[in-house]
Amino acid sequence: MRIRALTLMLTSSLIAAGDAAAQFDEVLPGARVRLRAPGVVASRYVGTVLDRRADTLFVSHAPGSRVVVATRAITSLEIDRGRSRAAGAKVGAIWGGGIGLISGLMTMEMRNTGTVQDADSIGAASWVTLMTTSYGLVGAGIGAIIGRRHWERFDVAPRVSVLPSRRGALLALSWTH
């Protein structure tokens, strides 16, 4: 029974060690990363990879600072792939359209009072549609200029732990999103 438990411990630890080293192959020095490593960094940490070893990442958030993170401690990892103009335009259009809708609904009654010029011939639904569309287009333009960061998420492989016990061995699997 002890030989079986020892074999199980050795096999599972080798499998887990191989997975942990292989899953971070794309994390190279100079890459901007966003990671979570409970017990090492508070909440989510964004920084630049200074160096990488098989079991360790050296990450910096500001010049002169350096955080050493063991790969086995990382529960979430994302790599910055740059800015996307299309994604920025989409987010800008959603925000602009929402603001335009609210603005159109709030000014809908003022269109017939002469406060808003030349709006007497526009119906209420047309007015709200015009405001929503025009604000949405402005928002899309601003969003396209600013852009939006695209983060590629890496799946962190399940971790396998085998703990010796009086009756043999305890096998524990854990993984996070």
N, C-alpha and C. Protein backbone atom coordinates (compact mmCIF):
# COMPACT_ATOMS: atom_id res chain seq x y z
N MET A 1 0.82 -1.20 0.00
CA MET A 1 0.00 0.00 0.00
C MET A 1 0.86 1.26 0.00
N ARG A 2 1.94 1.24 0.77
CA ARG A 2 2.81 2.41 0.83
C ARG A 2 3.51 2.63 -0.51
N ILE A 3 3.86 1.58 -1.19
CA ILE A 3 4.53 1.72 -2.49
C ILE A 3 3.57 2.35 -3.49
N ARG A 4 2.32 1.94 -3.46
CA ARG A 4 1.32 2.51 -4.36
C ARG A 4 1.12 4.00 -4.08
N ALA A 5 1.06 4.38 -2.83
CA ALA A 5 0.90 5.79 -2.45
C ALA A 5 2.11 6.61 -2.86
N LEU A 6 3.30 6.06 -2.65
CA LEU A 6 4.53 6.75 -3.03
C LEU A 6 4.59 6.93 -4.55
N THR A 7 4.21 5.91 -5.30
CA THR A 7 4.20 5.99 -6.76
C THR A 7 3.21 7.05 -7.21
N LEU A 8 2.04 7.09 -6.60
CA LEU A 8 1.03 8.09 -6.94
C LEU A 8 1.53 9.50 -6.64
N MET A 9 2.19 9.69 -5.50
CA MET A 9 2.73 11.00 -5.15
C MET A 9 3.77 11.45 -6.16
N LEU A 10 4.69 10.57 -6.49
CA LEU A 10 5.77 10.92 -7.41
C LEU A 10 5.24 11.22 -8.80
N THR A 11 4.35 10.40 -9.31
CA THR A 11 3.79 10.59 -10.65
C THR A 11 3.01 11.90 -10.75
N SER A 12 2.15 12.15 -9.78
CA SER A 12 1.33 13.37 -9.85
C SER A 12 2.17 14.62 -9.68
N SER A 13 3.20 14.59 -8.86
CA SER A 13 4.04 15.78 -8.71
C SER A 13 4.84 16.05 -9.97
N LEU A 14 5.27 15.02 -10.69
CA LEU A 14 5.98 15.22 -11.95
C LEU A 14 5.05 15.79 -13.02
N ILE A 15 3.83 15.30 -13.07
CA ILE A 15 2.85 15.82 -14.04
C ILE A 15 2.56 17.28 -13.75
N ALA A 16 2.33 17.63 -12.49
CA ALA A 16 2.02 19.01 -12.13
C ALA A 16 3.19 19.93 -12.41
N ALA A 17 4.41 19.49 -12.13
CA ALA A 17 5.59 20.33 -12.37
C ALA A 17 5.77 20.58 -13.87
N GLY A 18 5.52 19.58 -14.68
CA GLY A 18 5.65 19.75 -16.13
C GLY A 18 4.62 20.73 -16.67
N ASP A 19 3.38 20.64 -16.20
CA ASP A 19 2.33 21.54 -16.66
C ASP A 19 2.61 22.98 -16.26
N ALA A 20 3.05 23.19 -15.02
CA ALA A 20 3.28 24.55 -14.54
C ALA A 20 4.38 25.23 -15.33
N ALA A 21 5.42 24.52 -15.69
CA ALA A 21 6.52 25.12 -16.45
C ALA A 21 6.11 25.39 -17.89
N ALA A 22 5.35 24.49 -18.48
CA ALA A 22 5.00 24.62 -19.90
C ALA A 22 3.93 25.67 -20.16
N GLN A 23 3.07 25.95 -19.22
CA GLN A 23 1.94 26.84 -19.49
C GLN A 23 2.32 28.30 -19.62
N PHE A 24 3.50 28.70 -19.18
CA PHE A 24 3.91 30.10 -19.25
C PHE A 24 4.99 30.33 -20.30
N ASP A 25 5.04 29.49 -21.33
CA ASP A 25 6.07 29.63 -22.38
C ASP A 25 6.00 30.96 -23.12
N GLU A 26 4.81 31.53 -23.27
CA GLU A 26 4.67 32.79 -24.01
C GLU A 26 4.98 34.02 -23.17
N VAL A 27 5.19 33.85 -21.90
CA VAL A 27 5.49 34.98 -21.03
C VAL A 27 6.99 35.24 -21.10
N LEU A 28 7.36 36.21 -21.92
CA LEU A 28 8.76 36.54 -22.15
C LEU A 28 9.10 37.88 -21.50
N PRO A 29 10.37 38.12 -21.21
CA PRO A 29 10.77 39.42 -20.66
C PRO A 29 10.33 40.56 -21.59
N GLY A 30 9.79 41.60 -20.99
CA GLY A 30 9.28 42.75 -21.74
C GLY A 30 7.77 42.72 -21.94
N ALA A 31 7.15 41.56 -21.71
CA ALA A 31 5.70 41.44 -21.89
C ALA A 31 4.97 42.10 -20.71
N ARG A 32 3.88 42.78 -21.02
CA ARG A 32 3.04 43.38 -19.98
C ARG A 32 2.02 42.32 -19.57
N VAL A 33 1.94 42.03 -18.27
CA VAL A 33 1.07 40.97 -17.78
C VAL A 33 0.15 41.49 -16.69
N ARG A 34 -0.96 40.78 -16.53
CA ARG A 34 -1.91 41.03 -15.46
C ARG A 34 -2.11 39.68 -14.79
N LEU A 35 -1.81 39.60 -13.48
CA LEU A 35 -1.87 38.30 -12.83
C LEU A 35 -2.45 38.40 -11.43
N ARG A 36 -2.88 37.24 -10.95
CA ARG A 36 -3.33 37.09 -9.57
C ARG A 36 -2.49 35.97 -8.95
N ALA A 37 -1.96 36.25 -7.78
CA ALA A 37 -1.18 35.27 -7.04
C ALA A 37 -1.43 35.51 -5.55
N PRO A 38 -2.49 34.93 -5.02
CA PRO A 38 -2.83 35.15 -3.61
C PRO A 38 -1.66 34.81 -2.69
N GLY A 39 -1.42 35.67 -1.74
CA GLY A 39 -0.33 35.46 -0.81
C GLY A 39 0.99 36.08 -1.29
N VAL A 40 1.06 36.42 -2.57
CA VAL A 40 2.28 37.03 -3.12
C VAL A 40 2.02 38.49 -3.46
N VAL A 41 0.92 38.75 -4.18
CA VAL A 41 0.52 40.11 -4.53
C VAL A 41 -0.93 40.32 -4.09
N ALA A 42 -1.24 41.54 -3.73
CA ALA A 42 -2.60 41.86 -3.30
C ALA A 42 -3.49 42.01 -4.54
N SER A 43 -4.59 41.36 -4.57
CA SER A 43 -5.57 41.34 -5.67
C SER A 43 -4.89 41.15 -7.02
N ARG A 44 -5.21 41.98 -8.00
CA ARG A 44 -4.67 41.82 -9.35
C ARG A 44 -3.45 42.73 -9.53
N TYR A 45 -2.40 42.19 -10.10
CA TYR A 45 -1.14 42.93 -10.27
C TYR A 45 -0.87 43.09 -11.76
N VAL A 46 -0.59 44.32 -12.18
CA VAL A 46 -0.25 44.61 -13.57
C VAL A 46 1.19 45.11 -13.60
N GLY A 47 2.00 44.49 -14.45
CA GLY A 47 3.40 44.89 -14.53
C GLY A 47 4.07 44.32 -15.76
N THR A 48 5.36 44.58 -15.88
CA THR A 48 6.17 44.12 -17.01
C THR A 48 7.10 43.02 -16.52
N VAL A 49 7.19 41.94 -17.31
CA VAL A 49 8.07 40.83 -16.96
C VAL A 49 9.51 41.25 -17.17
N LEU A 50 10.31 41.18 -16.11
CA LEU A 50 11.73 41.50 -16.20
C LEU A 50 12.54 40.28 -16.59
N ASP A 51 12.20 39.13 -15.99
CA ASP A 51 12.92 37.89 -16.25
C ASP A 51 11.98 36.73 -15.96
N ARG A 52 12.31 35.59 -16.56
CA ARG A 52 11.48 34.41 -16.34
C ARG A 52 12.39 33.20 -16.21
N ARG A 53 12.10 32.40 -15.22
CA ARG A 53 12.78 31.12 -15.06
C ARG A 53 11.73 30.04 -15.10
N ALA A 54 12.12 28.80 -15.05
CA ALA A 54 11.17 27.70 -15.17
C ALA A 54 10.06 27.76 -14.13
N ASP A 55 10.38 28.19 -12.92
CA ASP A 55 9.39 28.19 -11.85
C ASP A 55 9.12 29.56 -11.24
N THR A 56 9.67 30.63 -11.86
CA THR A 56 9.55 31.96 -11.27
C THR A 56 9.41 33.04 -12.33
N LEU A 57 8.57 34.04 -12.03
CA LEU A 57 8.47 35.25 -12.85
C LEU A 57 8.95 36.43 -12.01
N PHE A 58 9.74 37.31 -12.63
CA PHE A 58 10.17 38.54 -11.99
C PHE A 58 9.43 39.67 -12.70
N VAL A 59 8.55 40.35 -11.97
CA VAL A 59 7.66 41.35 -12.56
C VAL A 59 7.87 42.69 -11.87
N SER A 60 7.77 43.78 -12.66
CA SER A 60 7.93 45.13 -12.12
C SER A 60 6.75 45.99 -12.53
N HIS A 61 6.23 46.76 -11.57
CA HIS A 61 5.15 47.69 -11.85
C HIS A 61 5.68 49.09 -12.12
N ALA A 62 6.75 49.44 -11.43
CA ALA A 62 7.35 50.77 -11.56
C ALA A 62 8.87 50.61 -11.58
N PRO A 63 9.58 51.57 -12.14
CA PRO A 63 11.04 51.48 -12.14
C PRO A 63 11.59 51.31 -10.72
N GLY A 64 12.48 50.36 -10.56
CA GLY A 64 13.09 50.13 -9.26
C GLY A 64 12.36 49.12 -8.39
N SER A 65 11.12 48.78 -8.74
CA SER A 65 10.38 47.79 -7.95
C SER A 65 10.46 46.44 -8.65
N ARG A 66 10.44 45.39 -7.85
CA ARG A 66 10.51 44.04 -8.43
C ARG A 66 9.76 43.08 -7.53
N VAL A 67 8.88 42.29 -8.12
CA VAL A 67 8.12 41.29 -7.39
C VAL A 67 8.50 39.93 -7.94
N VAL A 68 8.82 39.01 -7.06
CA VAL A 68 9.16 37.65 -7.45
C VAL A 68 7.94 36.78 -7.21
N VAL A 69 7.44 36.15 -8.28
CA VAL A 69 6.23 35.35 -8.20
C VAL A 69 6.53 33.93 -8.66
N ALA A 70 6.31 32.96 -7.79
CA ALA A 70 6.46 31.56 -8.16
C ALA A 70 5.30 31.18 -9.08
N THR A 71 5.58 30.45 -10.16
CA THR A 71 4.53 30.11 -11.12
C THR A 71 3.43 29.26 -10.46
N ARG A 72 3.78 28.48 -9.47
CA ARG A 72 2.76 27.65 -8.81
C ARG A 72 1.77 28.48 -8.00
N ALA A 73 2.15 29.74 -7.67
CA ALA A 73 1.27 30.62 -6.90
C ALA A 73 0.29 31.37 -7.79
N ILE A 74 0.51 31.38 -9.10
CA ILE A 74 -0.32 32.16 -10.03
C ILE A 74 -1.64 31.44 -10.27
N THR A 75 -2.74 32.13 -10.00
CA THR A 75 -4.07 31.56 -10.23
C THR A 75 -4.74 32.12 -11.48
N SER A 76 -4.25 33.26 -11.97
CA SER A 76 -4.81 33.89 -13.17
C SER A 76 -3.70 34.67 -13.86
N LEU A 77 -3.61 34.54 -15.21
CA LEU A 77 -2.56 35.22 -15.95
C LEU A 77 -3.11 35.69 -17.30
N GLU A 78 -2.85 36.97 -17.62
CA GLU A 78 -3.25 37.55 -18.90
C GLU A 78 -2.06 38.33 -19.47
N ILE A 79 -1.91 38.30 -20.81
CA ILE A 79 -0.84 39.04 -21.48
C ILE A 79 -1.47 40.14 -22.32
N ASP A 80 -0.90 41.33 -22.24
CA ASP A 80 -1.38 42.48 -23.00
C ASP A 80 -0.99 42.31 -24.46
N ARG A 81 -1.98 42.33 -25.35
CA ARG A 81 -1.74 42.20 -26.79
C ARG A 81 -1.91 43.52 -27.53
N GLY A 82 -1.94 44.62 -26.79
CA GLY A 82 -2.02 45.95 -27.42
C GLY A 82 -3.43 46.50 -27.42
N ARG A 83 -3.59 47.64 -28.12
CA ARG A 83 -4.89 48.30 -28.17
C ARG A 83 -5.65 47.89 -29.43
N SER A 84 -6.95 47.76 -29.27
CA SER A 84 -7.83 47.43 -30.39
C SER A 84 -8.72 48.64 -30.66
N ARG A 85 -8.64 49.20 -31.85
CA ARG A 85 -9.47 50.36 -32.22
C ARG A 85 -10.93 49.95 -32.37
N ALA A 86 -11.16 48.75 -32.93
CA ALA A 86 -12.54 48.29 -33.13
C ALA A 86 -13.24 48.07 -31.78
N ALA A 87 -12.55 47.46 -30.84
CA ALA A 87 -13.14 47.23 -29.51
C ALA A 87 -13.40 48.57 -28.82
N GLY A 88 -12.50 49.54 -29.01
CA GLY A 88 -12.70 50.87 -28.44
C GLY A 88 -13.92 51.55 -29.04
N ALA A 89 -14.09 51.41 -30.36
CA ALA A 89 -15.26 52.00 -31.03
C ALA A 89 -16.55 51.37 -30.53
N LYS A 90 -16.53 50.07 -30.30
CA LYS A 90 -17.73 49.38 -29.82
C LYS A 90 -18.13 49.87 -28.43
N VAL A 91 -17.14 49.95 -27.54
CA VAL A 91 -17.43 50.43 -26.18
C VAL A 91 -17.88 51.89 -26.21
N GLY A 92 -17.22 52.71 -27.04
CA GLY A 92 -17.60 54.12 -27.17
C GLY A 92 -19.01 54.28 -27.70
N ALA A 93 -19.39 53.45 -28.67
CA ALA A 93 -20.74 53.52 -29.23
C ALA A 93 -21.79 53.15 -28.18
N ILE A 94 -21.48 52.17 -27.36
CA ILE A 94 -22.42 51.76 -26.31
C ILE A 94 -22.60 52.88 -25.29
N TRP A 95 -21.48 53.47 -24.84
CA TRP A 95 -21.57 54.57 -23.88
C TRP A 95 -22.26 55.79 -24.50
N GLY A 96 -21.85 56.16 -25.71
CA GLY A 96 -22.44 57.32 -26.38
C GLY A 96 -23.92 57.13 -26.65
N GLY A 97 -24.28 55.92 -27.10
CA GLY A 97 -25.69 55.63 -27.36
C GLY A 97 -26.53 55.69 -26.10
N GLY A 98 -25.98 55.17 -25.00
CA GLY A 98 -26.69 55.23 -23.71
C GLY A 98 -26.89 56.65 -23.24
N ILE A 99 -25.84 57.46 -23.35
CA ILE A 99 -25.95 58.87 -22.95
C ILE A 99 -26.92 59.60 -23.87
N GLY A 100 -26.87 59.29 -25.16
CA GLY A 100 -27.79 59.90 -26.13
C GLY A 100 -29.23 59.52 -25.86
N LEU A 101 -29.47 58.28 -25.48
CA LEU A 101 -30.83 57.83 -25.17
C LEU A 101 -31.38 58.60 -23.96
N ILE A 102 -30.58 58.69 -22.92
CA ILE A 102 -31.00 59.42 -21.71
C ILE A 102 -31.23 60.89 -22.05
N SER A 103 -30.30 61.48 -22.80
CA SER A 103 -30.43 62.88 -23.18
C SER A 103 -31.66 63.11 -24.06
N GLY A 104 -31.90 62.20 -24.98
CA GLY A 104 -33.07 62.31 -25.85
C GLY A 104 -34.38 62.21 -25.09
N LEU A 105 -34.43 61.30 -24.12
CA LEU A 105 -35.64 61.16 -23.31
C LEU A 105 -35.86 62.39 -22.42
N MET A 106 -34.76 62.96 -21.92
CA MET A 106 -34.89 64.14 -21.05
C MET A 106 -35.29 65.39 -21.83
N THR A 107 -34.86 65.51 -23.07
CA THR A 107 -35.15 66.71 -23.86
C THR A 107 -36.32 66.52 -24.82
N MET A 108 -36.98 65.39 -24.76
CA MET A 108 -38.07 65.07 -25.68
C MET A 108 -39.21 66.09 -25.60
N GLU A 109 -39.55 66.51 -24.43
CA GLU A 109 -40.64 67.46 -24.25
C GLU A 109 -40.23 68.89 -24.62
N MET A 110 -38.95 69.19 -24.55
CA MET A 110 -38.48 70.55 -24.88
C MET A 110 -38.46 70.80 -26.39
N ARG A 111 -38.57 69.78 -27.20
CA ARG A 111 -38.47 69.96 -28.65
C ARG A 111 -39.63 70.78 -29.21
N ASN A 112 -40.76 70.82 -28.52
CA ASN A 112 -41.91 71.59 -29.00
C ASN A 112 -42.05 72.95 -28.34
N THR A 113 -41.18 73.28 -27.42
CA THR A 113 -41.30 74.56 -26.71
C THR A 113 -40.43 75.64 -27.31
N GLY A 114 -39.70 75.32 -28.32
CA GLY A 114 -38.83 76.29 -28.94
C GLY A 114 -37.46 76.35 -28.31
N THR A 115 -37.25 75.57 -27.24
CA THR A 115 -35.93 75.53 -26.61
C THR A 115 -34.91 74.90 -27.55
N VAL A 116 -35.34 73.86 -28.22
CA VAL A 116 -34.49 73.20 -29.21
C VAL A 116 -34.98 73.67 -30.57
N GLN A 117 -34.15 74.40 -31.30
CA GLN A 117 -34.58 75.01 -32.56
C GLN A 117 -34.87 73.98 -33.64
N ASP A 118 -35.86 74.28 -34.46
CA ASP A 118 -36.25 73.48 -35.62
C ASP A 118 -36.59 72.03 -35.27
N ALA A 119 -37.06 71.79 -34.10
CA ALA A 119 -37.41 70.44 -33.71
C ALA A 119 -38.91 70.21 -33.72
N ASP A 120 -39.69 71.23 -34.09
CA ASP A 120 -41.14 71.11 -34.05
C ASP A 120 -41.67 70.05 -34.99
N SER A 121 -40.99 69.83 -36.10
CA SER A 121 -41.48 68.87 -37.08
C SER A 121 -41.01 67.45 -36.81
N ILE A 122 -40.24 67.23 -35.75
CA ILE A 122 -39.72 65.89 -35.43
C ILE A 122 -40.59 65.28 -34.34
N GLY A 123 -41.02 64.03 -34.56
CA GLY A 123 -41.81 63.32 -33.56
C GLY A 123 -40.92 62.90 -32.39
N ALA A 124 -41.55 62.50 -31.30
CA ALA A 124 -40.82 62.13 -30.08
C ALA A 124 -39.90 60.93 -30.32
N ALA A 125 -40.40 59.90 -30.98
CA ALA A 125 -39.58 58.71 -31.23
C ALA A 125 -38.41 59.03 -32.15
N SER A 126 -38.67 59.87 -33.16
CA SER A 126 -37.59 60.26 -34.08
C SER A 126 -36.53 61.08 -33.35
N TRP A 127 -36.97 61.94 -32.45
CA TRP A 127 -36.04 62.77 -31.67
C TRP A 127 -35.11 61.90 -30.82
N VAL A 128 -35.68 60.94 -30.09
CA VAL A 128 -34.88 60.05 -29.24
C VAL A 128 -33.94 59.21 -30.10
N THR A 129 -34.41 58.74 -31.24
CA THR A 129 -33.57 57.96 -32.15
C THR A 129 -32.41 58.81 -32.68
N LEU A 130 -32.71 60.04 -33.06
CA LEU A 130 -31.67 60.95 -33.56
C LEU A 130 -30.61 61.20 -32.50
N MET A 131 -31.03 61.48 -31.28
CA MET A 131 -30.08 61.74 -30.19
C MET A 131 -29.23 60.50 -29.89
N THR A 132 -29.89 59.34 -29.81
CA THR A 132 -29.17 58.09 -29.51
C THR A 132 -28.15 57.78 -30.59
N THR A 133 -28.54 57.92 -31.85
CA THR A 133 -27.64 57.62 -32.96
C THR A 133 -26.48 58.60 -33.03
N SER A 134 -26.77 59.89 -32.92
CA SER A 134 -25.70 60.88 -33.05
C SER A 134 -24.70 60.77 -31.89
N TYR A 135 -25.18 60.59 -30.67
CA TYR A 135 -24.26 60.43 -29.54
C TYR A 135 -23.48 59.11 -29.67
N GLY A 136 -24.14 58.09 -30.16
CA GLY A 136 -23.47 56.80 -30.37
C GLY A 136 -22.34 56.91 -31.38
N LEU A 137 -22.57 57.66 -32.46
CA LEU A 137 -21.51 57.85 -33.47
C LEU A 137 -20.34 58.66 -32.92
N VAL A 138 -20.65 59.68 -32.14
CA VAL A 138 -19.56 60.47 -31.51
C VAL A 138 -18.78 59.57 -30.55
N GLY A 139 -19.48 58.79 -29.76
CA GLY A 139 -18.83 57.87 -28.83
C GLY A 139 -17.96 56.85 -29.55
N ALA A 140 -18.45 56.32 -30.68
CA ALA A 140 -17.67 55.36 -31.46
C ALA A 140 -16.40 56.00 -31.99
N GLY A 141 -16.50 57.25 -32.44
CA GLY A 141 -15.31 57.95 -32.93
C GLY A 141 -14.28 58.17 -31.84
N ILE A 142 -14.73 58.60 -30.68
CA ILE A 142 -13.82 58.81 -29.56
C ILE A 142 -13.20 57.48 -29.12
N GLY A 143 -14.03 56.44 -29.05
CA GLY A 143 -13.53 55.11 -28.66
C GLY A 143 -12.52 54.56 -29.64
N ALA A 144 -12.72 54.82 -30.94
CA ALA A 144 -11.77 54.35 -31.95
C ALA A 144 -10.43 55.07 -31.83
N ILE A 145 -10.48 56.35 -31.48
CA ILE A 145 -9.23 57.11 -31.31
C ILE A 145 -8.47 56.61 -30.08
N ILE A 146 -9.18 56.40 -28.98
CA ILE A 146 -8.54 55.97 -27.73
C ILE A 146 -8.16 54.50 -27.79
N GLY A 147 -9.03 53.66 -28.31
CA GLY A 147 -8.77 52.22 -28.35
C GLY A 147 -9.06 51.56 -27.02
N ARG A 148 -8.96 50.25 -27.02
CA ARG A 148 -9.18 49.47 -25.79
C ARG A 148 -8.15 48.36 -25.73
N ARG A 149 -7.56 48.17 -24.55
CA ARG A 149 -6.54 47.13 -24.39
C ARG A 149 -7.16 45.75 -24.57
N HIS A 150 -6.41 44.89 -25.25
CA HIS A 150 -6.83 43.50 -25.45
C HIS A 150 -5.92 42.61 -24.61
N TRP A 151 -6.49 41.92 -23.64
CA TRP A 151 -5.75 41.02 -22.77
C TRP A 151 -6.06 39.58 -23.15
N GLU A 152 -5.03 38.80 -23.45
CA GLU A 152 -5.21 37.38 -23.77
C GLU A 152 -5.06 36.58 -22.49
N ARG A 153 -6.10 35.84 -22.17
CA ARG A 153 -6.12 35.06 -20.93
C ARG A 153 -5.48 33.69 -21.14
N PHE A 154 -4.66 33.29 -20.19
CA PHE A 154 -4.05 31.97 -20.21
C PHE A 154 -4.74 31.10 -19.17
N ASP A 155 -5.08 29.90 -19.57
CA ASP A 155 -5.67 28.98 -18.62
C ASP A 155 -4.57 28.45 -17.73
N VAL A 156 -4.76 28.60 -16.44
CA VAL A 156 -3.81 28.07 -15.48
C VAL A 156 -4.18 26.61 -15.25
N ALA A 157 -3.22 25.73 -15.49
CA ALA A 157 -3.48 24.29 -15.40
C ALA A 157 -3.85 23.89 -13.98
N PRO A 158 -4.66 22.83 -13.87
CA PRO A 158 -5.01 22.34 -12.54
C PRO A 158 -3.75 21.95 -11.76
N ARG A 159 -3.79 22.17 -10.48
CA ARG A 159 -2.67 21.80 -9.61
C ARG A 159 -3.00 20.48 -8.92
N VAL A 160 -2.02 19.61 -8.85
CA VAL A 160 -2.21 18.32 -8.19
C VAL A 160 -1.33 18.29 -6.94
N SER A 161 -1.91 17.96 -5.83
CA SER A 161 -1.16 17.84 -4.59
C SER A 161 -1.43 16.47 -3.99
N VAL A 162 -0.38 15.82 -3.53
CA VAL A 162 -0.53 14.54 -2.85
C VAL A 162 0.10 14.67 -1.48
N LEU A 163 -0.70 14.42 -0.47
CA LEU A 163 -0.23 14.54 0.91
C LEU A 163 -0.22 13.17 1.56
N PRO A 164 0.87 12.81 2.23
CA PRO A 164 0.88 11.52 2.92
C PRO A 164 -0.08 11.54 4.11
N SER A 165 -0.71 10.41 4.35
CA SER A 165 -1.60 10.29 5.51
C SER A 165 -1.36 8.92 6.16
N ARG A 166 -2.01 8.68 7.26
CA ARG A 166 -1.80 7.40 7.97
C ARG A 166 -2.30 6.22 7.17
N ARG A 167 -3.28 6.44 6.33
CA ARG A 167 -3.86 5.34 5.55
C ARG A 167 -3.31 5.27 4.13
N GLY A 168 -2.33 6.04 3.80
CA GLY A 168 -1.77 6.03 2.44
C GLY A 168 -1.44 7.44 2.00
N ALA A 169 -2.24 7.94 1.06
CA ALA A 169 -2.00 9.29 0.54
C ALA A 169 -3.32 9.98 0.26
N LEU A 170 -3.31 11.29 0.36
CA LEU A 170 -4.47 12.12 0.05
C LEU A 170 -4.19 12.83 -1.25
N LEU A 171 -5.07 12.72 -2.20
CA LEU A 171 -4.89 13.37 -3.49
C LEU A 171 -5.83 14.57 -3.55
N ALA A 172 -5.27 15.76 -3.88
CA ALA A 172 -6.08 16.98 -3.96
C ALA A 172 -5.87 17.64 -5.31
N LEU A 173 -6.95 17.98 -5.97
CA LEU A 173 -6.90 18.71 -7.23
C LEU A 173 -7.48 20.09 -7.01
N SER A 174 -6.86 21.10 -7.61
CA SER A 174 -7.42 22.45 -7.51
C SER A 174 -7.13 23.23 -8.77
N TRP A 175 -8.10 24.05 -9.18
CA TRP A 175 -7.91 24.96 -10.30
C TRP A 175 -8.86 26.11 -10.13
N THR A 176 -8.47 27.24 -10.72
CA THR A 176 -9.29 28.44 -10.59
C THR A 176 -9.51 29.05 -11.95
N HIS A 177 -10.50 29.92 -12.02
CA HIS A 177 -10.77 30.66 -13.26
C HIS A 177 -10.15 32.00 -13.17
